C-alpha atoms as a PDB file:
ATOM      1  CA  MET A   1      10.118  14.754   5.657  1.00  0.00           C
ATOM      2  CA  GLY A   2       6.493  13.245   5.390  1.00  0.00           C
ATOM      3  CA  LYS A   3       5.785   9.566   4.038  1.00  0.00           C
ATOM      4  CA  PRO A   4       5.555   9.634   0.119  1.00  0.00           C
ATOM      5  CA  ARG A   5       3.179   8.080  -2.036  1.00  0.00           C
ATOM      6  CA  ALA A   6       3.761   6.180  -5.164  1.00  0.00           C
ATOM      7  CA  THR A   7       2.896   8.467  -8.147  1.00  0.00           C
ATOM      8  CA  ALA A   8       2.054   7.148 -11.706  1.00  0.00           C
ATOM      9  CA  GLY A   9       4.909   6.573 -13.926  1.00  0.00           C
ATOM     10  CA  SER A  10       7.444   7.551 -11.116  1.00  0.00           C
ATOM     11  CA  PRO A  11      10.700   5.303 -11.315  1.00  0.00           C
ATOM     12  CA  TRP A  12      10.899   4.569  -7.802  1.00  0.00           C
ATOM     13  CA  LYS A  13       8.521   1.450  -7.247  1.00  0.00           C
ATOM     14  CA  LEU A  14       7.170   0.570  -3.111  1.00  0.00           C
ATOM     15  CA  LEU A  15       9.017  -3.003  -2.765  1.00  0.00           C
ATOM     16  CA  THR A  16       6.842  -2.904   0.690  1.00  0.00           C
ATOM     17  CA  ASP A  17       4.886  -1.537   3.250  1.00  0.00           C
ATOM     18  CA  SER A  18       4.216  -2.504   6.512  1.00  0.00           C
ATOM     19  CA  THR A  19       4.751  -2.157  10.101  1.00  0.00           C
ATOM     20  CA  GLY A  20       5.075   1.342   9.782  1.00  0.00           C
ATOM     21  CA  VAL A  21       7.941   0.848   7.402  1.00  0.00           C
ATOM     22  CA  SER A  22       7.899   1.626   3.576  1.00  0.00           C
ATOM     23  CA  VAL A  23      10.936   0.735   1.403  1.00  0.00           C
ATOM     24  CA  TYR A  24      10.835   1.653  -2.405  1.00  0.00           C
ATOM     25  CA  ARG A  25      13.904   0.944  -5.379  1.00  0.00           C
ATOM     26  CA  LEU A  26      14.996   2.205  -8.386  1.00  0.00           C
ATOM     27  CA  LEU A  27      16.575   0.017 -10.671  1.00  0.00           C
ATOM     28  CA  ASP A  28      20.036   1.822 -12.033  1.00  0.00           C
ATOM     29  CA  GLU A  29      20.394   1.049 -15.307  1.00  0.00           C
ATOM     30  CA  LYS A  30      24.216   1.208 -16.245  1.00  0.00           C
ATOM     31  CA  SER A  31      24.607  -1.311 -12.953  1.00  0.00           C
ATOM     32  CA  GLY A  32      21.654  -3.220 -12.868  1.00  0.00           C
ATOM     33  CA  LEU A  33      21.454  -2.914  -9.018  1.00  0.00           C
ATOM     34  CA  TYR A  34      18.970  -1.098  -7.243  1.00  0.00           C
ATOM     35  CA  GLU A  35      19.123   2.272  -5.199  1.00  0.00           C
ATOM     36  CA  TYR A  36      16.698   1.765  -1.943  1.00  0.00           C
ATOM     37  CA  LYS A  37      14.637   5.093  -0.125  1.00  0.00           C
ATOM     38  CA  VAL A  38      13.605   3.867   3.232  1.00  0.00           C
ATOM     39  CA  PHE A  39      11.272   5.617   5.347  1.00  0.00           C
ATOM     40  CA  GLY A  40      10.149   4.663   8.670  1.00  0.00           C
ATOM     41  CA  VAL A  41       8.672   6.381  12.102  1.00  0.00           C
ATOM     42  CA  ILE A  42      10.665   4.837  15.663  1.00  0.00           C
ATOM     43  CA  HIS A  43       8.115   5.279  18.664  1.00  0.00           C
ATOM     44  CA  GLY A  44       9.212   6.772  21.900  1.00  0.00           C
ATOM     45  CA  CYS A  45      12.372   8.037  20.480  1.00  0.00           C
ATOM     46  CA  PRO A  46      13.124  11.904  20.096  1.00  0.00           C
ATOM     47  CA  PRO A  47      15.555  12.210  17.229  1.00  0.00           C
ATOM     48  CA  ASP A  48      18.344  13.410  18.976  1.00  0.00           C
ATOM     49  CA  ARG A  49      18.893   9.984  21.036  1.00  0.00           C
ATOM     50  CA  CYS A  50      18.145   8.300  17.655  1.00  0.00           C
ATOM     51  CA  ALA A  51      20.986  10.410  16.039  1.00  0.00           C
ATOM     52  CA  GLU A  52      23.164   8.948  18.976  1.00  0.00           C
ATOM     53  CA  VAL A  53      22.148   5.557  18.869  1.00  0.00           C
ATOM     54  CA  TYR A  54      22.616   5.259  15.130  1.00  0.00           C
ATOM     55  CA  MET A  55      26.531   6.752  15.422  1.00  0.00           C
ATOM     56  CA  ASP A  56      27.246   5.135  18.539  1.00  0.00           C
ATOM     57  CA  LEU A  57      29.663   1.940  17.482  1.00  0.00           C
ATOM     58  CA  ARG A  58      30.365   0.088  20.709  1.00  0.00           C
ATOM     59  CA  TYR A  59      26.805  -0.166  20.963  1.00  0.00           C
ATOM     60  CA  ARG A  60      25.994  -1.319  17.619  1.00  0.00           C
ATOM     61  CA  PRO A  61      26.651  -5.290  18.229  1.00  0.00           C
ATOM     62  CA  LYS A  62      24.117  -5.160  21.271  1.00  0.00           C
ATOM     63  CA  TRP A  63      21.470  -4.270  19.601  1.00  0.00           C
ATOM     64  CA  ASP A  64      22.383  -4.824  15.805  1.00  0.00           C
ATOM     65  CA  ARG A  65      21.536  -8.604  14.859  1.00  0.00           C
ATOM     66  CA  TYR A  66      23.707  -7.640  11.568  1.00  0.00           C
ATOM     67  CA  VAL A  67      26.191  -7.233  12.496  1.00  0.00           C
ATOM     68  CA  LYS A  68      29.192  -9.581  13.434  1.00  0.00           C
ATOM     69  CA  GLU A  69      32.086  -6.743  13.784  1.00  0.00           C
ATOM     70  CA  VAL A  70      32.843  -3.246  13.703  1.00  0.00           C
ATOM     71  CA  CYS A  71      35.798  -1.068  14.694  1.00  0.00           C
ATOM     72  CA  GLU A  72      37.223   2.567  13.768  1.00  0.00           C
ATOM     73  CA  LYS A  73      40.738   3.622  12.987  1.00  0.00           C
ATOM     74  CA  ILE A  74      42.452   7.446  12.102  1.00  0.00           C
ATOM     75  CA  VAL A  75      42.759   7.630   8.349  1.00  0.00           C
ATOM     76  CA  ASP A  76      44.306  10.556   7.078  1.00  0.00           C
ATOM     77  CA  GLY A  77      43.015  12.746   9.258  1.00  0.00           C
ATOM     78  CA  ARG A  78      39.521  11.112   9.316  1.00  0.00           C
ATOM     79  CA  SER A  79      37.294   8.344  11.051  1.00  0.00           C
ATOM     80  CA  ALA A  80      37.135   5.515   8.695  1.00  0.00           C
ATOM     81  CA  ILE A  81      34.929   2.572  10.261  1.00  0.00           C
ATOM     82  CA  TYR A  82      35.330  -0.932   9.594  1.00  0.00           C
ATOM     83  CA  TRP A  83      31.921  -3.174   9.661  1.00  0.00           C
ATOM     84  CA  GLU A  84      31.538  -6.861   8.737  1.00  0.00           C
ATOM     85  CA  VAL A  85      27.693  -7.943   7.851  1.00  0.00           C
ATOM     86  CA  LYS A  86      26.147 -11.159   8.318  1.00  0.00           C
ATOM     87  CA  PHE A  87      24.624 -12.404   5.142  1.00  0.00           C
ATOM     88  CA  PRO A  88      21.596 -15.301   5.460  1.00  0.00           C
ATOM     89  CA  PHE A  89      22.680 -19.116   4.641  1.00  0.00           C
ATOM     90  CA  PRO A  90      24.573 -19.870   2.390  1.00  0.00           C
ATOM     91  CA  MET A  91      25.959 -16.429   1.266  1.00  0.00           C
ATOM     92  CA  THR A  92      29.294 -15.080   2.096  1.00  0.00           C
ATOM     93  CA  ASN A  93      29.718 -12.288   4.656  1.00  0.00           C
ATOM     94  CA  ARG A  94      30.278  -9.217   3.439  1.00  0.00           C
ATOM     95  CA  ASP A  95      32.294  -6.578   4.843  1.00  0.00           C
ATOM     96  CA  TYR A  96      32.581  -2.052   4.508  1.00  0.00           C
ATOM     97  CA  VAL A  97      35.001   0.215   5.028  1.00  0.00           C
ATOM     98  CA  PHE A  98      33.902   3.752   4.871  1.00  0.00           C
ATOM     99  CA  THR A  99      33.719   7.147   6.415  1.00  0.00           C
ATOM    100  CA  ARG A 100      30.447   8.494   8.046  1.00  0.00           C
ATOM    101  CA  GLU A 101      30.019  11.928   9.466  1.00  0.00           C
ATOM    102  CA  ARG A 102      26.973  13.755  11.628  1.00  0.00           C
ATOM    103  CA  ARG A 103      25.109  16.756  10.673  1.00  0.00           C
ATOM    104  CA  ASP A 104      22.969  18.823  12.987  1.00  0.00           C
ATOM    105  CA  LEU A 105      20.407  20.987  10.689  1.00  0.00           C
ATOM    106  CA  GLU A 106      18.322  23.475  10.814  1.00  0.00           C
ATOM    107  CA  VAL A 107      15.776  23.433   8.047  1.00  0.00           C
ATOM    108  CA  ASP A 108      12.519  26.230   8.157  1.00  0.00           C
ATOM    109  CA  GLY A 109      12.440  25.640  11.767  1.00  0.00           C
ATOM    110  CA  ARG A 110      13.061  21.892  11.792  1.00  0.00           C
ATOM    111  CA  LYS A 111      16.026  20.450  13.536  1.00  0.00           C
ATOM    112  CA  ILE A 112      17.343  17.587  11.238  1.00  0.00           C
ATOM    113  CA  TYR A 113      19.774  15.340  12.034  1.00  0.00           C
ATOM    114  CA  VAL A 114      21.788  14.112   9.174  1.00  0.00           C
ATOM    115  CA  ILE A 115      24.358  10.707   8.555  1.00  0.00           C
ATOM    116  CA  LEU A 116      26.266  10.606   5.539  1.00  0.00           C
ATOM    117  CA  ALA A 117      28.455   7.165   4.723  1.00  0.00           C
ATOM    118  CA  LYS A 118      30.805   6.187   1.715  1.00  0.00           C
ATOM    119  CA  SER A 119      32.947   3.776   0.955  1.00  0.00           C
ATOM    120  CA  VAL A 120      36.207   4.107   1.063  1.00  0.00           C
ATOM    121  CA  VAL A 121      39.621   2.271  -0.085  1.00  0.00           C
ATOM    122  CA  THR A 122      43.036   2.252   2.545  1.00  0.00           C
ATOM    123  CA  SER A 123      45.080   0.086   4.098  1.00  0.00           C
ATOM    124  CA  LYS A 124      44.642   0.150   7.520  1.00  0.00           C
ATOM    125  CA  PHE A 125      41.809  -2.742   6.469  1.00  0.00           C
ATOM    126  CA  PRO A 126      42.869  -4.796   4.337  1.00  0.00           C
ATOM    127  CA  GLU A 127      40.665  -7.578   2.397  1.00  0.00           C
ATOM    128  CA  LYS A 128      40.315 -10.951   4.687  1.00  0.00           C
ATOM    129  CA  PRO A 129      40.040 -13.862   3.567  1.00  0.00           C
ATOM    130  CA  GLY A 130      36.191 -15.597   2.996  1.00  0.00           C
ATOM    131  CA  LEU A 131      34.869 -12.362   3.258  1.00  0.00           C
ATOM    132  CA  ILE A 132      33.397 -10.061   0.128  1.00  0.00           C
ATOM    133  CA  ARG A 133      34.412  -6.879   0.637  1.00  0.00           C
ATOM    134  CA  VAL A 134      31.354  -4.027  -0.784  1.00  0.00           C
ATOM    135  CA  ASN A 135      33.408  -1.274  -2.087  1.00  0.00           C
ATOM    136  CA  HIS A 136      30.958   0.536  -3.734  1.00  0.00           C
ATOM    137  CA  TYR A 137      28.730   1.921  -0.792  1.00  0.00           C
ATOM    138  CA  LYS A 138      27.046   4.933  -0.065  1.00  0.00           C
ATOM    139  CA  GLN A 139      23.794   5.830   2.951  1.00  0.00           C
ATOM    140  CA  ASN A 140      22.280   9.128   3.457  1.00  0.00           C
ATOM    141  CA  VAL A 141      20.061   9.007   6.658  1.00  0.00           C
ATOM    142  CA  ALA A 142      17.586  12.179   7.842  1.00  0.00           C
ATOM    143  CA  ILE A 143      15.844  12.219  11.079  1.00  0.00           C
ATOM    144  CA  GLU A 144      13.326  14.607  12.618  1.00  0.00           C
ATOM    145  CA  SER A 145      10.376  15.186  15.482  1.00  0.00           C
ATOM    146  CA  ASP A 146       7.313  12.731  14.035  1.00  0.00           C
ATOM    147  CA  GLY A 147       5.629  15.709  16.152  1.00  0.00           C
ATOM    148  CA  ARG A 148       5.212  13.611  18.920  1.00  0.00           C
ATOM    149  CA  ASN A 149       7.986  11.883  20.914  1.00  0.00           C
ATOM    150  CA  GLY A 150       9.141   9.914  18.318  1.00  0.00           C
ATOM    151  CA  SER A 151      10.900  10.425  15.094  1.00  0.00           C
ATOM    152  CA  LYS A 152      10.888   9.796  11.542  1.00  0.00           C
ATOM    153  CA  ILE A 153      13.664   8.375   9.444  1.00  0.00           C
ATOM    154  CA  TYR A 154      14.418   8.548   5.845  1.00  0.00           C
ATOM    155  CA  MET A 155      17.231   6.732   4.263  1.00  0.00           C
ATOM    156  CA  PHE A 156      18.470   6.563   0.827  1.00  0.00           C
ATOM    157  CA  TYR A 157      21.142   3.555  -0.003  1.00  0.00           C
ATOM    158  CA  PHE A 158      23.047   2.005  -2.547  1.00  0.00           C
ATOM    159  CA  GLU A 159      25.464  -0.869  -2.472  1.00  0.00           C
ATOM    160  CA  ASN A 160      27.478  -3.108  -4.924  1.00  0.00           C
ATOM    161  CA  PRO A 161      27.262  -6.446  -2.928  1.00  0.00           C
ATOM    162  CA  GLY A 162      29.666  -8.071  -4.887  1.00  0.00           C
ATOM    163  CA  GLY A 163      29.515 -11.851  -5.927  1.00  0.00           C
ATOM    164  CA  LYS A 164      26.398 -13.604  -6.927  1.00  0.00           C
ATOM    165  CA  VAL A 165      23.592 -12.486  -4.807  1.00  0.00           C
ATOM    166  CA  PRO A 166      20.239 -13.909  -5.409  1.00  0.00           C
ATOM    167  CA  SER A 167      17.508 -12.502  -6.429  1.00  0.00           C
ATOM    168  CA  TRP A 168      15.499 -13.908  -3.322  1.00  0.00           C
ATOM    169  CA  ALA A 169      18.632 -12.808  -0.758  1.00  0.00           C
ATOM    170  CA  VAL A 170      17.381  -9.029  -2.003  1.00  0.00           C
ATOM    171  CA  ASN A 171      14.481  -9.374  -1.999  1.00  0.00           C
ATOM    172  CA  TRP A 172      14.570 -10.483   1.813  1.00  0.00           C
ATOM    173  CA  ALA A 173      17.064  -7.824   2.710  1.00  0.00           C
ATOM    174  CA  ALA A 174      14.610  -4.794   1.529  1.00  0.00           C
ATOM    175  CA  LYS A 175      11.412  -6.689   2.745  1.00  0.00           C
ATOM    176  CA  THR A 176      12.217  -8.234   6.029  1.00  0.00           C
ATOM    177  CA  GLY A 177      15.660  -7.119   6.752  1.00  0.00           C
ATOM    178  CA  VAL A 178      15.186  -3.638   6.911  1.00  0.00           C
ATOM    179  CA  PRO A 179      11.705  -3.228   9.071  1.00  0.00           C
ATOM    180  CA  ASN A 180      13.846  -5.819  11.250  1.00  0.00           C
ATOM    181  CA  PHE A 181      16.610  -3.261  11.401  1.00  0.00           C
ATOM    182  CA  VAL A 182      14.136  -0.780  12.064  1.00  0.00           C
ATOM    183  CA  LYS A 183      12.035  -2.581  14.927  1.00  0.00           C
ATOM    184  CA  ASP A 184      15.646  -3.518  16.307  1.00  0.00           C
ATOM    185  CA  MET A 185      16.798  -0.083  16.221  1.00  0.00           C
ATOM    186  CA  GLN A 186      13.455   0.834  17.943  1.00  0.00           C
ATOM    187  CA  LYS A 187      14.004  -1.133  21.023  1.00  0.00           C
ATOM    188  CA  ALA A 188      17.386  -0.370  21.394  1.00  0.00           C
ATOM    189  CA  CYS A 189      16.495   3.424  21.433  1.00  0.00           C
ATOM    190  CA  LEU A 190      14.710   2.458  24.426  1.00  0.00           C
ATOM    191  CA  GLY A 191      17.396   1.106  26.374  1.00  0.00           C
ATOM    192  CA  TYR A 192      20.302   3.532  25.048  1.00  0.00           C
ATOM    193  CA  GLN A 193      18.817   5.851  28.014  1.00  0.00           C
ATOM    194  CA  ARG A 194      18.969   3.114  30.371  1.00  0.00           C
ATOM    195  CA  ARG A 195      22.467   2.167  29.463  1.00  0.00           C
ATOM    196  CA  ARG A 196      23.683   6.092  29.681  1.00  0.00           C
ATOM    197  CA  SER A 197      22.038   6.714  33.025  1.00  0.00           C
ATOM    198  CA  THR A 198      23.661   3.233  34.556  1.00  0.00           C
ATOM    199  CA  ALA A 199      27.300   4.223  33.583  1.00  0.00           C
ATOM    200  CA  HIS A 200      26.277   7.883  35.069  1.00  0.00           C
ATOM    201  CA  GLN A 201      25.973   5.867  37.957  1.00  0.00           C
ATOM    202  CA  MET A 202      28.984   3.594  37.981  1.00  0.00           C
END
């Protein structure tokens, strides 16, 4: 899962490459929207802890600046997650309902943690006034060791945010929002061990 290089003629275009995070995007001709690939490194945090932090819904609002509300319910025997995301003013906040699962894989002697998420429709989480429901959302995340004491992260992401999203907001999310998220997650990983140690002492 090494960092990719842009090649001549590749449909994926490098959007930003800064602070250790590379973001590529690919135009989906049918929808006119972009798919995204993100590559980054989280230093000082092993992949198993990164996966735990990513999956911990109670911890997420404490470190993810873009989360306003998150909760979980069982729908048809499966966990469904409700997620409200803060969008920059003057845009309307979006909310998501999706299923998510984690798979721990062994590939050629490498331990890879895979997290798969996909939007679902359920009456358990009715739409709320003043928010735009994102009904088409998909995210795949893979985490593995960077060969030292950190983790390499790969993310594939697509959504139809609905409503009118100006191009400046799309570019802001990809160029600023994603790198900020990776930096916030690194801080969260470092604080997660302290959080668990405190919990065990109580």
